Amino acid sequence: SCSSSPKKGSRARCFRARGVLPIGLQVQERPPRPTAMPIPGSTITKAQEEAQKYVDEHGIDRLVSKMMNGLIMDKPVDPKLYMVKWLAERCSDEQLHEAGLDHTAAAKEAKLKADKEAKRAAAPMKPKQ
C-alpha cells in the first residue's frame, strides 16, 4: 500500500506506478488592476461596472460560453470560421443583411433543408394501423 511505506520518496514511486502523480498546487486570485478612476468606496471602476452591466443586459457571457463549449466539443480545424458561422446561425437574415453579411442562396437552401429535417425529427411518430 502507498500510505504504509515509511521510506521517503517511496509514496511518490507508488503513485507513479499506478499512473498517478500527486502535485501540490496553490492558487491565489490576483487583485484586479484599475483601468479608470475607482468609484468612491468601491473596488471596481466605473468603466468595469458599465462593462458588466452591458454584458449582463445582452447575455454576452452566456452566449460566449455556449459558443466556447461547442468549439471545444467540435474542435474545428478553423476555430475563427467556426465562431463566425456559429454566431451567424443565431442571427436573422435581416440582422445579417444590416451588418453586410448576407447568407448566400446555397446557405439559405441548406438552412431551410436542415430546419425541415429538424421539424420532421421532432414531430411525434404516428402509430401504424
N, C-alpha and C. Protein backbone atom coordinates (compact mmCIF):
# COMPACT_ATOMS: atom_id res chain seq x y z
N SER A 1 0.84 -1.19 0.00
CA SER A 1 0.00 0.00 0.00
C SER A 1 0.88 1.25 0.00
N CYS A 2 0.48 2.28 -0.68
CA CYS A 2 1.27 3.51 -0.78
C CYS A 2 1.40 4.21 0.56
N SER A 3 0.35 4.24 1.35
CA SER A 3 0.37 5.02 2.58
C SER A 3 1.15 4.35 3.70
N SER A 4 1.38 3.06 3.65
CA SER A 4 2.07 2.38 4.74
C SER A 4 3.58 2.33 4.55
N SER A 5 4.09 2.82 3.46
CA SER A 5 5.53 2.76 3.19
C SER A 5 6.26 3.86 3.94
N PRO A 6 7.23 3.51 4.82
CA PRO A 6 7.91 4.52 5.62
C PRO A 6 9.04 5.22 4.90
N LYS A 7 9.54 4.70 3.79
CA LYS A 7 10.69 5.29 3.10
C LYS A 7 10.31 6.58 2.40
N LYS A 8 11.20 7.57 2.52
CA LYS A 8 10.97 8.85 1.85
C LYS A 8 11.04 8.66 0.34
N GLY A 9 10.09 9.18 -0.40
CA GLY A 9 10.07 9.05 -1.85
C GLY A 9 9.36 7.80 -2.34
N SER A 10 9.15 6.83 -1.48
CA SER A 10 8.51 5.60 -1.94
C SER A 10 7.04 5.81 -2.24
N ARG A 11 6.41 6.74 -1.55
CA ARG A 11 5.00 7.03 -1.82
C ARG A 11 4.83 7.58 -3.23
N ALA A 12 5.72 8.49 -3.64
CA ALA A 12 5.66 9.05 -4.99
C ALA A 12 5.89 7.96 -6.02
N ARG A 13 6.83 7.03 -5.74
CA ARG A 13 7.06 5.92 -6.67
C ARG A 13 5.80 5.06 -6.80
N CYS A 14 5.12 4.85 -5.69
CA CYS A 14 3.90 4.05 -5.70
C CYS A 14 2.83 4.72 -6.56
N PHE A 15 2.68 6.05 -6.40
CA PHE A 15 1.70 6.78 -7.23
C PHE A 15 2.07 6.69 -8.70
N ARG A 16 3.35 6.88 -9.02
CA ARG A 16 3.80 6.80 -10.42
C ARG A 16 3.53 5.42 -10.99
N ALA A 17 3.73 4.39 -10.18
CA ALA A 17 3.48 3.02 -10.65
C ALA A 17 2.01 2.83 -11.01
N ARG A 18 1.14 3.56 -10.34
CA ARG A 18 -0.29 3.46 -10.66
C ARG A 18 -0.71 4.46 -11.72
N GLY A 19 0.25 5.23 -12.24
CA GLY A 19 -0.06 6.21 -13.28
C GLY A 19 -0.59 7.52 -12.72
N VAL A 20 -0.40 7.75 -11.43
CA VAL A 20 -0.88 8.97 -10.79
C VAL A 20 0.30 9.66 -10.14
N LEU A 21 0.43 10.94 -10.36
CA LEU A 21 1.50 11.70 -9.73
C LEU A 21 0.86 12.84 -8.95
N PRO A 22 0.96 12.78 -7.60
CA PRO A 22 0.35 13.85 -6.81
C PRO A 22 1.15 15.13 -6.96
N ILE A 23 0.43 16.24 -7.07
CA ILE A 23 1.12 17.53 -7.15
C ILE A 23 0.47 18.48 -6.16
N GLY A 24 1.23 19.39 -5.66
CA GLY A 24 0.69 20.42 -4.78
C GLY A 24 0.48 21.68 -5.59
N LEU A 25 -0.65 22.30 -5.43
CA LEU A 25 -0.99 23.48 -6.21
C LEU A 25 -1.59 24.51 -5.28
N GLN A 26 -1.10 25.72 -5.35
CA GLN A 26 -1.65 26.79 -4.55
C GLN A 26 -2.04 27.92 -5.50
N VAL A 27 -3.32 28.23 -5.52
CA VAL A 27 -3.84 29.25 -6.44
C VAL A 27 -4.29 30.45 -5.63
N GLN A 28 -3.84 31.61 -6.06
CA GLN A 28 -4.27 32.84 -5.43
C GLN A 28 -4.85 33.76 -6.50
N GLU A 29 -5.95 34.41 -6.14
CA GLU A 29 -6.56 35.33 -7.09
C GLU A 29 -5.76 36.63 -7.10
N ARG A 30 -5.47 37.09 -8.30
CA ARG A 30 -4.74 38.35 -8.45
C ARG A 30 -5.74 39.50 -8.32
N PRO A 31 -5.41 40.51 -7.52
CA PRO A 31 -6.34 41.63 -7.41
C PRO A 31 -6.48 42.35 -8.74
N PRO A 32 -7.70 42.81 -9.08
CA PRO A 32 -7.89 43.48 -10.36
C PRO A 32 -7.11 44.79 -10.41
N ARG A 33 -6.62 45.12 -11.59
CA ARG A 33 -5.91 46.38 -11.78
C ARG A 33 -6.91 47.42 -12.29
N PRO A 34 -7.05 48.52 -11.59
CA PRO A 34 -7.99 49.54 -12.06
C PRO A 34 -7.52 50.16 -13.37
N THR A 35 -8.48 50.36 -14.29
CA THR A 35 -8.15 50.95 -15.58
C THR A 35 -8.68 52.38 -15.69
N ALA A 36 -9.49 52.77 -14.71
CA ALA A 36 -10.05 54.12 -14.71
C ALA A 36 -10.19 54.56 -13.26
N MET A 37 -10.78 55.72 -13.06
CA MET A 37 -10.95 56.22 -11.70
C MET A 37 -11.91 55.32 -10.93
N PRO A 38 -11.49 54.83 -9.76
CA PRO A 38 -12.39 53.98 -8.98
C PRO A 38 -13.57 54.77 -8.42
N ILE A 39 -14.68 54.10 -8.25
CA ILE A 39 -15.85 54.70 -7.64
C ILE A 39 -15.55 54.80 -6.14
N PRO A 40 -15.80 55.94 -5.51
CA PRO A 40 -15.51 56.06 -4.08
C PRO A 40 -16.20 54.95 -3.28
N GLY A 41 -15.44 54.27 -2.41
CA GLY A 41 -15.99 53.20 -1.59
C GLY A 41 -16.16 51.89 -2.32
N SER A 42 -15.62 51.77 -3.52
CA SER A 42 -15.78 50.56 -4.31
C SER A 42 -14.42 50.10 -4.82
N THR A 43 -14.31 48.78 -5.06
CA THR A 43 -13.06 48.26 -5.60
C THR A 43 -13.10 48.14 -7.12
N ILE A 44 -14.29 48.33 -7.72
CA ILE A 44 -14.37 48.27 -9.19
C ILE A 44 -14.51 49.68 -9.75
N THR A 45 -14.04 49.85 -10.95
CA THR A 45 -14.10 51.17 -11.57
C THR A 45 -15.45 51.36 -12.25
N LYS A 46 -15.75 52.61 -12.55
CA LYS A 46 -17.00 52.92 -13.25
C LYS A 46 -17.02 52.22 -14.62
N ALA A 47 -15.88 52.20 -15.30
CA ALA A 47 -15.80 51.53 -16.61
C ALA A 47 -16.08 50.04 -16.47
N GLN A 48 -15.55 49.42 -15.42
CA GLN A 48 -15.80 47.99 -15.20
C GLN A 48 -17.27 47.75 -14.90
N GLU A 49 -17.86 48.63 -14.11
CA GLU A 49 -19.27 48.50 -13.77
C GLU A 49 -20.15 48.62 -15.01
N GLU A 50 -19.84 49.59 -15.87
CA GLU A 50 -20.61 49.78 -17.11
C GLU A 50 -20.43 48.59 -18.04
N ALA A 51 -19.21 48.08 -18.12
CA ALA A 51 -18.96 46.92 -18.97
C ALA A 51 -19.75 45.71 -18.48
N GLN A 52 -19.76 45.49 -17.17
CA GLN A 52 -20.50 44.35 -16.61
C GLN A 52 -21.99 44.50 -16.86
N LYS A 53 -22.50 45.73 -16.74
CA LYS A 53 -23.93 45.98 -16.99
C LYS A 53 -24.27 45.64 -18.44
N TYR A 54 -23.42 46.06 -19.37
CA TYR A 54 -23.64 45.78 -20.79
C TYR A 54 -23.63 44.27 -21.05
N VAL A 55 -22.65 43.57 -20.49
CA VAL A 55 -22.54 42.12 -20.65
C VAL A 55 -23.79 41.44 -20.11
N ASP A 56 -24.25 41.86 -18.93
CA ASP A 56 -25.44 41.27 -18.32
C ASP A 56 -26.70 41.55 -19.14
N GLU A 57 -26.87 42.79 -19.60
CA GLU A 57 -28.06 43.17 -20.36
C GLU A 57 -28.20 42.38 -21.66
N HIS A 58 -27.09 42.05 -22.28
CA HIS A 58 -27.12 41.38 -23.58
C HIS A 58 -26.84 39.88 -23.51
N GLY A 59 -26.64 39.36 -22.31
CA GLY A 59 -26.40 37.92 -22.15
C GLY A 59 -25.13 37.45 -22.85
N ILE A 60 -24.14 38.32 -22.92
CA ILE A 60 -22.92 38.00 -23.66
C ILE A 60 -22.15 36.86 -23.03
N ASP A 61 -22.08 36.84 -21.69
CA ASP A 61 -21.32 35.78 -21.04
C ASP A 61 -21.91 34.40 -21.35
N ARG A 62 -23.23 34.30 -21.34
CA ARG A 62 -23.90 33.03 -21.63
C ARG A 62 -23.70 32.63 -23.09
N LEU A 63 -23.84 33.60 -23.99
CA LEU A 63 -23.68 33.35 -25.42
C LEU A 63 -22.27 32.86 -25.73
N VAL A 64 -21.27 33.56 -25.21
CA VAL A 64 -19.88 33.19 -25.48
C VAL A 64 -19.54 31.85 -24.83
N SER A 65 -20.10 31.58 -23.66
CA SER A 65 -19.87 30.28 -23.01
C SER A 65 -20.41 29.14 -23.87
N LYS A 66 -21.62 29.32 -24.42
CA LYS A 66 -22.20 28.29 -25.29
C LYS A 66 -21.32 28.08 -26.53
N MET A 67 -20.87 29.19 -27.11
CA MET A 67 -20.03 29.09 -28.30
C MET A 67 -18.72 28.37 -27.97
N MET A 68 -18.12 28.70 -26.85
CA MET A 68 -16.86 28.07 -26.45
C MET A 68 -17.06 26.58 -26.17
N ASN A 69 -18.17 26.21 -25.55
CA ASN A 69 -18.45 24.80 -25.31
C ASN A 69 -18.54 24.03 -26.62
N GLY A 70 -19.25 24.59 -27.59
CA GLY A 70 -19.35 23.95 -28.91
C GLY A 70 -18.01 23.86 -29.59
N LEU A 71 -17.24 24.91 -29.49
CA LEU A 71 -15.91 24.96 -30.09
C LEU A 71 -15.01 23.87 -29.51
N ILE A 72 -15.03 23.74 -28.20
CA ILE A 72 -14.20 22.74 -27.53
C ILE A 72 -14.68 21.32 -27.85
N MET A 73 -16.00 21.13 -27.91
CA MET A 73 -16.53 19.79 -28.24
C MET A 73 -16.21 19.40 -29.67
N ASP A 74 -16.42 20.33 -30.62
CA ASP A 74 -16.26 20.01 -32.04
C ASP A 74 -14.81 20.07 -32.51
N LYS A 75 -13.99 20.87 -31.84
CA LYS A 75 -12.57 21.03 -32.19
C LYS A 75 -12.36 21.23 -33.70
N PRO A 76 -12.95 22.29 -34.26
CA PRO A 76 -12.82 22.52 -35.70
C PRO A 76 -11.39 22.89 -36.09
N VAL A 77 -11.05 22.63 -37.35
CA VAL A 77 -9.72 22.96 -37.87
C VAL A 77 -9.52 24.48 -37.85
N ASP A 78 -10.57 25.22 -38.19
CA ASP A 78 -10.50 26.68 -38.23
C ASP A 78 -11.45 27.26 -37.17
N PRO A 79 -10.97 27.51 -35.96
CA PRO A 79 -11.84 27.99 -34.89
C PRO A 79 -12.51 29.34 -35.19
N LYS A 80 -11.80 30.24 -35.86
CA LYS A 80 -12.40 31.55 -36.16
C LYS A 80 -13.60 31.40 -37.09
N LEU A 81 -13.46 30.59 -38.13
CA LEU A 81 -14.56 30.37 -39.06
C LEU A 81 -15.73 29.70 -38.34
N TYR A 82 -15.43 28.74 -37.47
CA TYR A 82 -16.47 28.08 -36.68
C TYR A 82 -17.27 29.12 -35.88
N MET A 83 -16.55 30.04 -35.22
CA MET A 83 -17.22 31.04 -34.39
C MET A 83 -18.06 31.99 -35.23
N VAL A 84 -17.56 32.38 -36.40
CA VAL A 84 -18.33 33.25 -37.29
C VAL A 84 -19.62 32.55 -37.71
N LYS A 85 -19.50 31.30 -38.13
CA LYS A 85 -20.69 30.54 -38.55
C LYS A 85 -21.66 30.37 -37.38
N TRP A 86 -21.12 30.03 -36.20
CA TRP A 86 -21.95 29.80 -35.02
C TRP A 86 -22.76 31.05 -34.70
N LEU A 87 -22.10 32.19 -34.72
CA LEU A 87 -22.81 33.44 -34.42
C LEU A 87 -23.81 33.79 -35.53
N ALA A 88 -23.43 33.58 -36.79
CA ALA A 88 -24.32 33.90 -37.91
C ALA A 88 -25.58 33.05 -37.86
N GLU A 89 -25.47 31.80 -37.41
CA GLU A 89 -26.64 30.93 -37.31
C GLU A 89 -27.65 31.44 -36.29
N ARG A 90 -27.22 32.27 -35.39
CA ARG A 90 -28.09 32.80 -34.35
C ARG A 90 -28.60 34.20 -34.66
N CYS A 91 -28.38 34.64 -35.89
CA CYS A 91 -28.86 35.95 -36.34
C CYS A 91 -29.93 35.75 -37.41
N SER A 92 -30.85 36.69 -37.46
CA SER A 92 -31.86 36.64 -38.52
C SER A 92 -31.23 37.11 -39.83
N ASP A 93 -31.90 36.80 -40.94
CA ASP A 93 -31.42 37.27 -42.24
C ASP A 93 -31.35 38.80 -42.25
N GLU A 94 -32.31 39.44 -41.60
CA GLU A 94 -32.33 40.91 -41.54
C GLU A 94 -31.12 41.45 -40.78
N GLN A 95 -30.79 40.82 -39.65
CA GLN A 95 -29.62 41.26 -38.87
C GLN A 95 -28.34 41.09 -39.68
N LEU A 96 -28.22 39.97 -40.37
CA LEU A 96 -27.03 39.73 -41.19
C LEU A 96 -26.94 40.74 -42.32
N HIS A 97 -28.10 41.03 -42.96
CA HIS A 97 -28.13 41.99 -44.06
C HIS A 97 -27.69 43.37 -43.57
N GLU A 98 -28.20 43.79 -42.41
CA GLU A 98 -27.84 45.10 -41.85
C GLU A 98 -26.34 45.19 -41.56
N ALA A 99 -25.73 44.05 -41.23
CA ALA A 99 -24.29 44.02 -40.93
C ALA A 99 -23.45 43.76 -42.18
N GLY A 100 -24.12 43.63 -43.34
CA GLY A 100 -23.39 43.37 -44.59
C GLY A 100 -22.91 41.94 -44.70
N LEU A 101 -23.62 41.01 -44.05
CA LEU A 101 -23.21 39.60 -44.04
C LEU A 101 -24.34 38.69 -44.52
N ASP A 102 -24.88 38.98 -45.69
CA ASP A 102 -25.99 38.18 -46.21
C ASP A 102 -25.60 36.73 -46.41
N HIS A 103 -26.59 35.84 -46.19
CA HIS A 103 -26.42 34.43 -46.50
C HIS A 103 -26.38 34.27 -48.02
N THR A 104 -25.62 33.33 -48.49
CA THR A 104 -25.66 33.01 -49.91
C THR A 104 -26.92 32.19 -50.17
N ALA A 105 -27.32 32.08 -51.42
CA ALA A 105 -28.51 31.30 -51.77
C ALA A 105 -28.33 29.85 -51.34
N ALA A 106 -27.14 29.29 -51.53
CA ALA A 106 -26.88 27.90 -51.15
C ALA A 106 -26.98 27.73 -49.63
N ALA A 107 -26.51 28.70 -48.88
CA ALA A 107 -26.58 28.61 -47.43
C ALA A 107 -28.02 28.68 -46.95
N LYS A 108 -28.82 29.56 -47.59
CA LYS A 108 -30.23 29.67 -47.23
C LYS A 108 -30.95 28.35 -47.52
N GLU A 109 -30.66 27.76 -48.67
CA GLU A 109 -31.29 26.49 -49.05
C GLU A 109 -30.90 25.39 -48.05
N ALA A 110 -29.64 25.32 -47.68
CA ALA A 110 -29.18 24.31 -46.73
C ALA A 110 -29.84 24.51 -45.37
N LYS A 111 -30.01 25.77 -44.98
CA LYS A 111 -30.65 26.06 -43.69
C LYS A 111 -32.11 25.64 -43.72
N LEU A 112 -32.82 25.94 -44.80
CA LEU A 112 -34.22 25.53 -44.93
C LEU A 112 -34.35 24.01 -44.86
N LYS A 113 -33.45 23.31 -45.55
CA LYS A 113 -33.47 21.85 -45.54
C LYS A 113 -33.22 21.32 -44.13
N ALA A 114 -32.25 21.89 -43.44
CA ALA A 114 -31.92 21.45 -42.08
C ALA A 114 -33.10 21.73 -41.14
N ASP A 115 -33.76 22.88 -41.31
CA ASP A 115 -34.92 23.20 -40.48
C ASP A 115 -36.06 22.22 -40.71
N LYS A 116 -36.31 21.85 -41.98
CA LYS A 116 -37.37 20.88 -42.29
C LYS A 116 -37.06 19.53 -41.65
N GLU A 117 -35.80 19.09 -41.76
CA GLU A 117 -35.40 17.81 -41.18
C GLU A 117 -35.53 17.83 -39.66
N ALA A 118 -35.20 18.94 -39.05
CA ALA A 118 -35.31 19.06 -37.59
C ALA A 118 -36.77 19.00 -37.16
N LYS A 119 -37.66 19.66 -37.92
CA LYS A 119 -39.09 19.61 -37.59
C LYS A 119 -39.63 18.20 -37.76
N ARG A 120 -39.19 17.53 -38.82
CA ARG A 120 -39.64 16.17 -39.07
C ARG A 120 -39.17 15.24 -37.95
N ALA A 121 -37.95 15.41 -37.50
CA ALA A 121 -37.39 14.57 -36.43
C ALA A 121 -38.08 14.85 -35.10
N ALA A 122 -38.52 16.08 -34.90
CA ALA A 122 -39.16 16.46 -33.63
C ALA A 122 -40.64 16.09 -33.60
N ALA A 123 -41.25 15.85 -34.77
CA ALA A 123 -42.67 15.52 -34.83
C ALA A 123 -42.91 14.14 -34.21
N PRO A 124 -44.02 14.00 -33.46
CA PRO A 124 -44.31 12.70 -32.84
C PRO A 124 -44.61 11.65 -33.92
N MET A 125 -44.19 10.45 -33.65
CA MET A 125 -44.41 9.34 -34.59
C MET A 125 -45.88 8.95 -34.55
N LYS A 126 -46.48 8.75 -35.74
CA LYS A 126 -47.86 8.30 -35.82
C LYS A 126 -47.88 6.78 -35.72
N PRO A 127 -48.76 6.23 -34.88
CA PRO A 127 -48.81 4.76 -34.75
C PRO A 127 -49.31 4.13 -36.04
N LYS A 128 -48.73 2.98 -36.41
CA LYS A 128 -49.16 2.27 -37.62
C LYS A 128 -50.46 1.54 -37.33
N GLN A 129 -51.35 1.52 -38.33
CA GLN A 129 -52.65 0.86 -38.14
C GLN A 129 -52.74 -0.38 -38.96
